[in-house]
């Protein structure tokens, strides 16, 4: 599957669609999920084009992958989750429940 520049996250990255931003740097954008499944539910998306987690792991260079996960940790700290319970989820493919085909993770907490 090739990347679709018209997916909702691509449009959010281009500021064509607004989001409730939580965190942003040169590597990621983090924003509140519009249909939360927990008390806290944010999405973290890379600013580069990857279809899913497999595409990200296979094609993002090591430095970009590292900076993505360092950014996720910054978000966890910013949201004061580092000493609380939380979940990180990623879906891959329609069969895996993926709805938007831009790699993203869900960060959820009921704490």
Protein backbone atom coordinates (compact mmCIF):
# COMPACT_ATOMS: atom_id res chain seq x y z
CA UNK A 1 0.00 0.00 0.00
CA UNK A 2 1.36 3.42 -0.90
CA UNK A 3 1.00 6.49 1.27
CA UNK A 4 -2.13 8.60 0.64
CA UNK A 5 -1.37 12.34 0.93
CA UNK A 6 -5.09 12.98 1.44
CA UNK A 7 -5.49 11.00 4.68
CA UNK A 8 -6.75 12.99 7.67
CA UNK A 9 -3.40 13.01 9.48
CA UNK A 10 -1.61 14.36 6.40
CA UNK A 11 -4.21 17.13 6.29
CA UNK A 12 -3.70 17.84 10.00
CA UNK A 13 0.07 18.04 9.45
CA UNK A 14 -0.54 20.56 6.64
CA UNK A 15 -2.88 22.55 8.96
CA UNK A 16 -5.80 21.96 6.58
CA UNK A 17 -7.75 20.38 9.44
CA UNK A 18 -7.43 21.68 13.03
CA UNK A 19 -6.48 19.53 15.98
CA UNK A 20 -6.27 19.96 19.74
CA UNK A 21 -2.47 19.96 19.90
CA UNK A 22 -0.73 18.61 23.00
CA UNK A 23 2.90 18.58 21.80
CA UNK A 24 4.86 19.26 18.66
CA UNK A 25 8.50 19.22 17.64
CA UNK A 26 10.35 18.61 14.38
CA UNK A 27 9.68 14.85 14.52
CA UNK A 28 6.13 14.40 15.85
CA UNK A 29 2.75 15.97 16.35
CA UNK A 30 0.66 14.86 19.32
CA UNK A 31 -3.01 15.76 19.65
CA UNK A 32 -6.15 14.68 21.49
CA UNK A 33 -8.19 11.92 19.88
CA UNK A 34 -11.60 13.21 18.75
CA UNK A 35 -13.20 9.92 19.85
CA UNK A 36 -11.40 9.12 23.14
CA UNK A 37 -11.41 5.57 24.48
CA UNK A 38 -9.92 6.57 27.86
CA UNK A 39 -9.79 9.54 30.24
CA UNK A 40 -6.62 10.61 28.43
CA UNK A 41 -6.31 9.58 24.78
CA UNK A 42 -3.81 11.25 22.50
CA UNK A 43 -2.37 10.32 19.14
CA UNK A 44 1.30 10.67 18.26
CA UNK A 45 2.15 10.84 14.56
CA UNK A 46 5.50 11.23 12.83
CA UNK A 47 5.85 14.25 10.57
CA UNK A 48 7.17 12.01 7.79
CA UNK A 49 5.01 9.78 5.62
CA UNK A 50 4.76 6.18 6.81
CA UNK A 51 1.69 4.03 6.18
CA UNK A 52 1.91 1.92 9.34
CA UNK A 53 4.29 0.69 12.02
CA UNK A 54 5.87 -1.88 9.67
CA UNK A 55 6.60 0.82 7.08
CA UNK A 56 8.04 3.05 9.83
CA UNK A 57 10.28 0.32 11.25
CA UNK A 58 11.47 -0.81 7.81
CA UNK A 59 12.00 2.59 6.19
CA UNK A 60 12.62 5.30 8.79
CA UNK A 61 16.31 5.70 9.50
CA UNK A 62 17.58 4.81 12.96
CA UNK A 63 18.02 8.45 13.97
CA UNK A 64 14.42 9.32 13.04
CA UNK A 65 13.07 6.26 14.84
CA UNK A 66 15.08 7.16 17.94
CA UNK A 67 13.86 10.76 17.87
CA UNK A 68 10.27 9.56 17.47
CA UNK A 69 10.48 7.42 20.62
CA UNK A 70 12.38 10.10 22.56
CA UNK A 71 9.52 12.45 21.64
CA UNK A 72 6.97 9.90 22.87
CA UNK A 73 8.82 9.83 26.19
CA UNK A 74 8.73 13.66 26.34
CA UNK A 75 4.97 13.49 25.84
CA UNK A 76 4.62 10.85 28.58
CA UNK A 77 6.55 13.15 30.95
CA UNK A 78 4.63 16.27 29.87
CA UNK A 79 1.35 14.50 30.61
CA UNK A 80 2.71 13.30 33.99
CA UNK A 81 2.22 9.66 33.02
CA UNK A 82 5.75 8.46 33.75
CA UNK A 83 4.73 7.29 37.26
CA UNK A 84 1.20 6.20 36.32
CA UNK A 85 -0.33 3.44 34.24
CA UNK A 86 -0.81 3.92 30.53
CA UNK A 87 -1.10 2.00 27.26
CA UNK A 88 0.59 2.52 23.92
CA UNK A 89 -1.24 1.00 20.96
CA UNK A 90 -0.61 0.85 17.25
CA UNK A 91 -2.79 -0.81 14.64
CA UNK A 92 -1.48 -2.26 11.38
CA UNK A 93 -3.70 -2.82 8.39
CA UNK A 94 -7.47 -3.06 8.15
CA UNK A 95 -7.40 -6.53 9.71
CA UNK A 96 -5.50 -5.03 12.65
CA UNK A 97 -8.01 -2.24 13.14
CA UNK A 98 -6.07 0.56 11.44
CA UNK A 99 -8.44 3.30 10.24
CA UNK A 100 -6.00 6.04 9.17
CA UNK A 101 -3.11 4.86 7.02
CA UNK A 102 -0.49 7.18 8.45
CA UNK A 103 1.59 5.50 11.18
CA UNK A 104 0.44 6.61 14.62
CA UNK A 105 0.35 5.45 18.17
CA UNK A 106 -2.42 5.84 20.69
CA UNK A 107 -1.36 6.86 24.19
CA UNK A 108 -4.14 6.11 26.67
CA UNK A 109 -4.54 6.42 30.43
CA UNK A 110 -7.40 6.35 32.93
CA UNK A 111 -5.11 7.65 35.70
